[in-house]
Structures are given as structure tokens and as C-alpha cells.
N, C-alpha and C. Protein backbone atom coordinates (compact mmCIF):
# COMPACT_ATOMS: atom_id res chain seq x y z
N UNK A 1 41.04 32.00 -45.04
CA UNK A 1 39.69 32.41 -45.39
C UNK A 1 39.61 33.93 -45.21
N UNK A 2 38.87 34.57 -46.09
CA UNK A 2 38.69 36.01 -46.04
C UNK A 2 37.31 36.33 -45.50
N UNK A 3 37.21 37.46 -44.79
CA UNK A 3 35.95 37.86 -44.19
C UNK A 3 35.53 39.23 -44.71
N UNK A 4 34.21 39.49 -44.66
CA UNK A 4 33.64 40.73 -45.16
C UNK A 4 32.82 41.39 -44.06
N UNK A 5 32.95 42.70 -43.95
CA UNK A 5 32.14 43.47 -43.02
C UNK A 5 30.79 43.73 -43.68
N UNK A 6 29.73 43.25 -43.08
CA UNK A 6 28.41 43.30 -43.73
C UNK A 6 27.83 44.71 -43.79
N UNK A 7 28.21 45.58 -42.88
CA UNK A 7 27.60 46.92 -42.85
C UNK A 7 28.14 47.83 -43.95
N UNK A 8 29.44 47.71 -44.28
CA UNK A 8 29.99 48.59 -45.32
C UNK A 8 30.43 47.81 -46.55
N UNK A 9 30.52 46.48 -46.46
CA UNK A 9 30.93 45.67 -47.60
C UNK A 9 32.42 45.56 -47.77
N UNK A 10 33.19 46.09 -46.84
CA UNK A 10 34.65 46.06 -46.94
C UNK A 10 35.24 44.73 -46.49
N UNK A 11 36.46 44.48 -46.92
CA UNK A 11 37.16 43.25 -46.52
C UNK A 11 37.83 43.50 -45.18
N UNK A 12 37.88 42.45 -44.34
CA UNK A 12 38.45 42.56 -43.00
C UNK A 12 39.84 41.98 -42.98
N UNK A 13 40.80 42.75 -42.44
CA UNK A 13 42.16 42.25 -42.24
C UNK A 13 42.14 41.42 -40.96
N UNK A 14 42.33 40.11 -41.10
CA UNK A 14 42.17 39.20 -39.96
C UNK A 14 43.25 39.42 -38.92
N UNK A 15 44.47 39.73 -39.34
CA UNK A 15 45.56 39.92 -38.38
C UNK A 15 45.33 41.13 -37.48
N UNK A 16 44.82 42.21 -38.06
CA UNK A 16 44.55 43.42 -37.28
C UNK A 16 43.13 43.47 -36.75
N UNK A 17 42.24 42.57 -37.25
CA UNK A 17 40.82 42.55 -36.91
C UNK A 17 40.19 43.91 -37.18
N UNK A 18 40.46 44.44 -38.39
CA UNK A 18 39.98 45.77 -38.75
C UNK A 18 39.46 45.77 -40.19
N UNK A 19 38.33 46.45 -40.40
CA UNK A 19 37.77 46.60 -41.74
C UNK A 19 38.65 47.57 -42.53
N UNK A 20 39.00 47.16 -43.76
CA UNK A 20 39.89 48.01 -44.55
C UNK A 20 39.15 49.18 -45.19
N UNK A 21 37.82 49.14 -45.23
CA UNK A 21 37.05 50.23 -45.85
C UNK A 21 36.65 51.28 -44.81
N UNK A 22 35.96 50.86 -43.74
CA UNK A 22 35.45 51.84 -42.78
C UNK A 22 36.31 51.95 -41.52
N UNK A 23 37.35 51.13 -41.41
CA UNK A 23 38.33 51.17 -40.31
C UNK A 23 37.74 50.76 -38.96
N UNK A 24 36.61 50.06 -38.93
CA UNK A 24 36.06 49.55 -37.67
C UNK A 24 36.98 48.44 -37.17
N UNK A 25 37.23 48.42 -35.86
CA UNK A 25 38.14 47.45 -35.29
C UNK A 25 37.40 46.64 -34.22
N UNK A 26 37.68 45.33 -34.17
CA UNK A 26 37.07 44.43 -33.20
C UNK A 26 38.12 43.96 -32.21
N UNK A 27 37.69 43.73 -30.96
CA UNK A 27 38.60 43.09 -30.01
C UNK A 27 38.57 41.59 -30.27
N UNK A 28 39.52 40.81 -29.73
CA UNK A 28 39.61 39.37 -30.07
C UNK A 28 38.33 38.58 -29.77
N UNK A 29 37.64 38.91 -28.70
CA UNK A 29 36.45 38.14 -28.33
C UNK A 29 35.28 38.48 -29.24
N UNK A 30 35.02 39.76 -29.46
CA UNK A 30 33.87 40.12 -30.30
C UNK A 30 34.11 39.79 -31.78
N UNK A 31 35.38 39.69 -32.19
CA UNK A 31 35.66 39.29 -33.56
C UNK A 31 35.19 37.87 -33.81
N UNK A 32 35.34 36.99 -32.83
CA UNK A 32 34.90 35.60 -32.95
C UNK A 32 33.39 35.45 -32.75
N UNK A 33 32.78 36.35 -32.00
CA UNK A 33 31.37 36.18 -31.61
C UNK A 33 30.42 37.16 -32.28
N UNK A 34 30.83 37.81 -33.37
CA UNK A 34 29.96 38.77 -34.06
C UNK A 34 29.27 38.08 -35.24
N UNK A 35 28.06 37.54 -35.03
CA UNK A 35 27.40 36.81 -36.13
C UNK A 35 26.75 37.72 -37.17
N UNK A 36 26.55 38.99 -36.84
CA UNK A 36 25.85 39.88 -37.76
C UNK A 36 26.82 40.73 -38.58
N UNK A 37 27.88 41.22 -37.97
CA UNK A 37 28.77 42.17 -38.64
C UNK A 37 29.85 41.54 -39.50
N UNK A 38 30.16 40.26 -39.29
CA UNK A 38 31.25 39.61 -40.02
C UNK A 38 30.71 38.36 -40.71
N UNK A 39 30.98 38.26 -42.00
CA UNK A 39 30.58 37.09 -42.78
C UNK A 39 31.77 36.61 -43.59
N UNK A 40 31.91 35.29 -43.78
CA UNK A 40 32.96 34.81 -44.66
C UNK A 40 32.66 35.20 -46.10
N UNK A 41 33.69 35.54 -46.85
CA UNK A 41 33.51 35.89 -48.26
C UNK A 41 33.32 34.61 -49.04
N UNK A 42 32.34 34.59 -49.94
CA UNK A 42 32.06 33.41 -50.75
C UNK A 42 32.03 33.79 -52.22
N UNK A 43 32.24 32.79 -53.09
CA UNK A 43 32.15 33.03 -54.52
C UNK A 43 30.70 32.89 -54.97
N UNK A 44 30.46 32.87 -56.28
CA UNK A 44 29.10 32.83 -56.80
C UNK A 44 28.37 31.54 -56.45
N UNK A 45 29.10 30.46 -56.18
CA UNK A 45 28.47 29.18 -55.86
C UNK A 45 28.36 28.94 -54.37
N UNK A 46 28.75 29.90 -53.55
CA UNK A 46 28.60 29.76 -52.11
C UNK A 46 29.77 29.11 -51.42
N UNK A 47 30.89 28.90 -52.12
CA UNK A 47 32.06 28.31 -51.51
C UNK A 47 32.92 29.39 -50.87
N UNK A 48 33.56 29.11 -49.72
CA UNK A 48 34.41 30.12 -49.09
C UNK A 48 35.60 30.47 -49.98
N UNK A 49 35.98 31.73 -49.94
CA UNK A 49 37.12 32.19 -50.73
C UNK A 49 38.37 32.05 -49.87
N UNK A 50 39.36 31.26 -50.31
CA UNK A 50 40.59 31.13 -49.54
C UNK A 50 41.33 32.46 -49.50
N UNK A 51 42.12 32.66 -48.47
CA UNK A 51 42.89 33.89 -48.36
C UNK A 51 43.91 34.01 -49.46
N UNK A 52 44.12 35.23 -49.94
CA UNK A 52 45.12 35.48 -50.95
C UNK A 52 44.66 35.24 -52.38
N UNK A 53 43.44 34.76 -52.59
CA UNK A 53 42.95 34.53 -53.94
C UNK A 53 41.76 35.45 -54.21
N UNK A 54 41.68 35.92 -55.42
CA UNK A 54 40.56 36.75 -55.80
C UNK A 54 39.39 35.84 -56.21
N UNK A 55 38.18 36.32 -56.08
CA UNK A 55 37.00 35.52 -56.40
C UNK A 55 37.03 35.11 -57.87
N UNK A 56 37.45 36.01 -58.77
CA UNK A 56 37.45 35.71 -60.19
C UNK A 56 38.51 34.68 -60.57
N UNK A 57 39.53 34.52 -59.74
CA UNK A 57 40.62 33.60 -60.08
C UNK A 57 40.36 32.18 -59.59
N UNK A 58 39.27 31.96 -58.84
CA UNK A 58 38.99 30.62 -58.35
C UNK A 58 38.71 29.68 -59.50
N UNK A 59 39.30 28.51 -59.46
CA UNK A 59 39.13 27.52 -60.51
C UNK A 59 38.63 26.25 -59.86
N UNK A 60 37.61 25.65 -60.43
CA UNK A 60 37.09 24.44 -59.83
C UNK A 60 38.08 23.30 -60.05
N UNK A 61 38.16 22.43 -59.07
CA UNK A 61 39.13 21.34 -59.08
C UNK A 61 38.43 19.99 -59.20
N UNK A 62 37.25 19.95 -59.77
CA UNK A 62 36.51 18.70 -59.89
C UNK A 62 35.87 18.62 -61.27
N UNK A 63 35.28 17.49 -61.56
CA UNK A 63 34.70 17.25 -62.88
C UNK A 63 33.51 18.17 -63.13
N UNK A 64 33.32 18.56 -64.38
CA UNK A 64 32.25 19.48 -64.74
C UNK A 64 30.86 18.89 -64.57
N UNK A 65 30.71 17.56 -64.70
CA UNK A 65 29.39 16.95 -64.56
C UNK A 65 28.86 17.08 -63.15
N UNK A 66 29.72 17.31 -62.16
CA UNK A 66 29.28 17.40 -60.77
C UNK A 66 28.38 18.61 -60.53
N UNK A 67 28.48 19.62 -61.39
CA UNK A 67 27.62 20.79 -61.23
C UNK A 67 26.17 20.51 -61.61
N UNK A 68 25.96 19.49 -62.46
CA UNK A 68 24.59 19.19 -62.89
C UNK A 68 23.82 18.36 -61.86
N UNK A 69 24.51 17.69 -60.96
CA UNK A 69 23.87 16.89 -59.91
C UNK A 69 23.79 17.74 -58.65
N UNK A 70 22.59 17.92 -58.07
CA UNK A 70 22.47 18.77 -56.88
C UNK A 70 23.32 18.26 -55.72
N UNK A 71 24.17 19.13 -55.19
CA UNK A 71 25.01 18.80 -54.05
C UNK A 71 26.32 18.13 -54.40
N UNK A 72 26.46 17.58 -55.58
CA UNK A 72 27.69 16.88 -55.95
C UNK A 72 28.87 17.83 -56.08
N UNK A 73 28.65 19.02 -56.61
CA UNK A 73 29.73 19.98 -56.76
C UNK A 73 30.28 20.44 -55.42
N UNK A 74 29.39 20.66 -54.47
CA UNK A 74 29.82 21.09 -53.14
C UNK A 74 30.61 19.97 -52.45
N UNK A 75 30.13 18.73 -52.57
CA UNK A 75 30.82 17.59 -51.98
C UNK A 75 32.17 17.37 -52.67
N UNK A 76 32.20 17.46 -54.00
CA UNK A 76 33.44 17.24 -54.74
C UNK A 76 34.46 18.33 -54.46
N UNK A 77 33.99 19.52 -54.13
CA UNK A 77 34.91 20.62 -53.84
C UNK A 77 35.67 20.44 -52.55
N UNK A 78 35.16 19.63 -51.61
CA UNK A 78 35.85 19.45 -50.34
C UNK A 78 36.74 18.21 -50.32
N UNK A 79 36.65 17.40 -51.36
CA UNK A 79 37.50 16.21 -51.41
C UNK A 79 38.95 16.59 -51.66
N UNK A 80 39.90 15.76 -51.20
CA UNK A 80 41.31 16.09 -51.43
C UNK A 80 41.66 16.07 -52.91
N UNK A 81 42.67 16.83 -53.27
CA UNK A 81 43.11 16.94 -54.67
C UNK A 81 44.14 15.85 -54.99
N UNK A 82 43.71 14.61 -54.86
CA UNK A 82 44.58 13.47 -55.13
C UNK A 82 44.47 13.07 -56.59
N UNK A 83 45.48 12.33 -57.11
CA UNK A 83 45.34 11.76 -58.46
C UNK A 83 44.23 10.71 -58.48
N UNK A 84 43.76 10.42 -59.67
CA UNK A 84 42.62 9.52 -59.82
C UNK A 84 42.91 8.14 -59.22
N UNK A 85 44.11 7.60 -59.46
CA UNK A 85 44.43 6.26 -58.96
C UNK A 85 44.39 6.24 -57.43
N UNK A 86 44.81 7.33 -56.77
CA UNK A 86 44.81 7.37 -55.31
C UNK A 86 43.38 7.44 -54.76
N UNK A 87 42.51 8.20 -55.43
CA UNK A 87 41.11 8.27 -54.98
C UNK A 87 40.42 6.93 -55.12
N UNK A 88 40.66 6.23 -56.24
CA UNK A 88 40.05 4.91 -56.46
C UNK A 88 40.56 3.91 -55.43
N UNK A 89 41.88 3.91 -55.19
CA UNK A 89 42.47 3.00 -54.21
C UNK A 89 41.92 3.27 -52.81
N UNK A 90 41.82 4.53 -52.43
CA UNK A 90 41.29 4.88 -51.11
C UNK A 90 39.84 4.45 -50.96
N UNK A 91 39.05 4.60 -52.02
CA UNK A 91 37.65 4.18 -51.98
C UNK A 91 37.54 2.67 -51.82
N UNK A 92 38.33 1.92 -52.57
CA UNK A 92 38.30 0.46 -52.47
C UNK A 92 38.73 0.01 -51.08
N UNK A 93 39.78 0.60 -50.54
CA UNK A 93 40.25 0.24 -49.19
C UNK A 93 39.17 0.56 -48.16
N UNK A 94 38.51 1.71 -48.27
CA UNK A 94 37.46 2.08 -47.33
C UNK A 94 36.31 1.09 -47.38
N UNK A 95 35.88 0.70 -48.58
CA UNK A 95 34.77 -0.26 -48.71
C UNK A 95 35.15 -1.61 -48.13
N UNK A 96 36.38 -2.06 -48.39
CA UNK A 96 36.84 -3.36 -47.85
C UNK A 96 36.86 -3.32 -46.32
N UNK A 97 37.33 -2.24 -45.75
CA UNK A 97 37.38 -2.13 -44.28
C UNK A 97 35.97 -2.13 -43.70
N UNK A 98 35.05 -1.40 -44.29
CA UNK A 98 33.68 -1.34 -43.77
C UNK A 98 33.01 -2.71 -43.87
N UNK A 99 33.16 -3.38 -45.02
CA UNK A 99 32.57 -4.71 -45.18
C UNK A 99 33.17 -5.69 -44.19
N UNK A 100 34.48 -5.63 -43.98
CA UNK A 100 35.14 -6.52 -43.01
C UNK A 100 34.61 -6.28 -41.60
N UNK A 101 34.46 -5.03 -41.21
CA UNK A 101 33.94 -4.73 -39.88
C UNK A 101 32.50 -5.21 -39.72
N UNK A 102 31.70 -5.04 -40.75
CA UNK A 102 30.31 -5.51 -40.67
C UNK A 102 30.27 -7.03 -40.54
N UNK A 103 31.10 -7.73 -41.29
CA UNK A 103 31.13 -9.20 -41.19
C UNK A 103 31.62 -9.66 -39.84
N UNK A 104 32.62 -8.99 -39.28
CA UNK A 104 33.15 -9.38 -37.96
C UNK A 104 32.09 -9.19 -36.88
N UNK A 105 31.40 -8.04 -36.91
CA UNK A 105 30.40 -7.78 -35.87
C UNK A 105 29.11 -8.55 -36.11
N UNK A 106 28.81 -8.93 -37.33
CA UNK A 106 27.60 -9.70 -37.63
C UNK A 106 27.74 -11.14 -37.15
N UNK A 107 28.95 -11.69 -37.21
CA UNK A 107 29.18 -13.07 -36.78
C UNK A 107 29.13 -13.17 -35.27
N UNK A 108 29.62 -12.18 -34.59
CA UNK A 108 29.64 -12.21 -33.12
C UNK A 108 28.31 -11.81 -32.64
């Protein structure tokens, strides 16, 4: 994940804990506890930008219809990038396990 210095707008080098624009440097403790000066970099939709990727190069990894449903795009963006058959199988297994547990505890 990439971070941005809010006061100057520069990107922060996480390994050195230093802003690349204004050269401000943080010690290890204040780097973790600075809620005002350091913000995670996000794209236009509010998703965190992974390290090493430019904001313009981000490509969505989910179906286009998910953007039309409020919250579906954000939820779909955090799901694993599995093939369709694996996602369907995992969903069916999860539902079967939940129903089985409910039936076991309902009988007792």
C-alpha cells in the first residue's frame, strides 16, 4: 500500500519513512500513529492503491454491473480472484455447512 503526506501531497517512502517531496521524516512510532499527516493513497473510487502500481493503471477485477449496485463494487473488489467455478463451489459449500450447523444446533 502506498501512503501520501497530506501537508505537501507527496508520496511517502515506507521503507525510509520519508516524504519524497518535502523530505519530512518520521520515527517508527509516530509513523504508525500520525492520523493527520499520513493518509493511504486511494483511486477515484476510494480503493487503496497497491504498492508499485500507478492509479491510472488500476483495472477492476469484477463484473461491470457491480458498479451500479451501491456497495457491490467495493465488496466485489475484496473477494479473491478465483475462477468462476471455484467461487460457485465455495459458495455452495459455505451454504451447506451453515445449514448443517443450524440443523444440528436446532435439534439439540
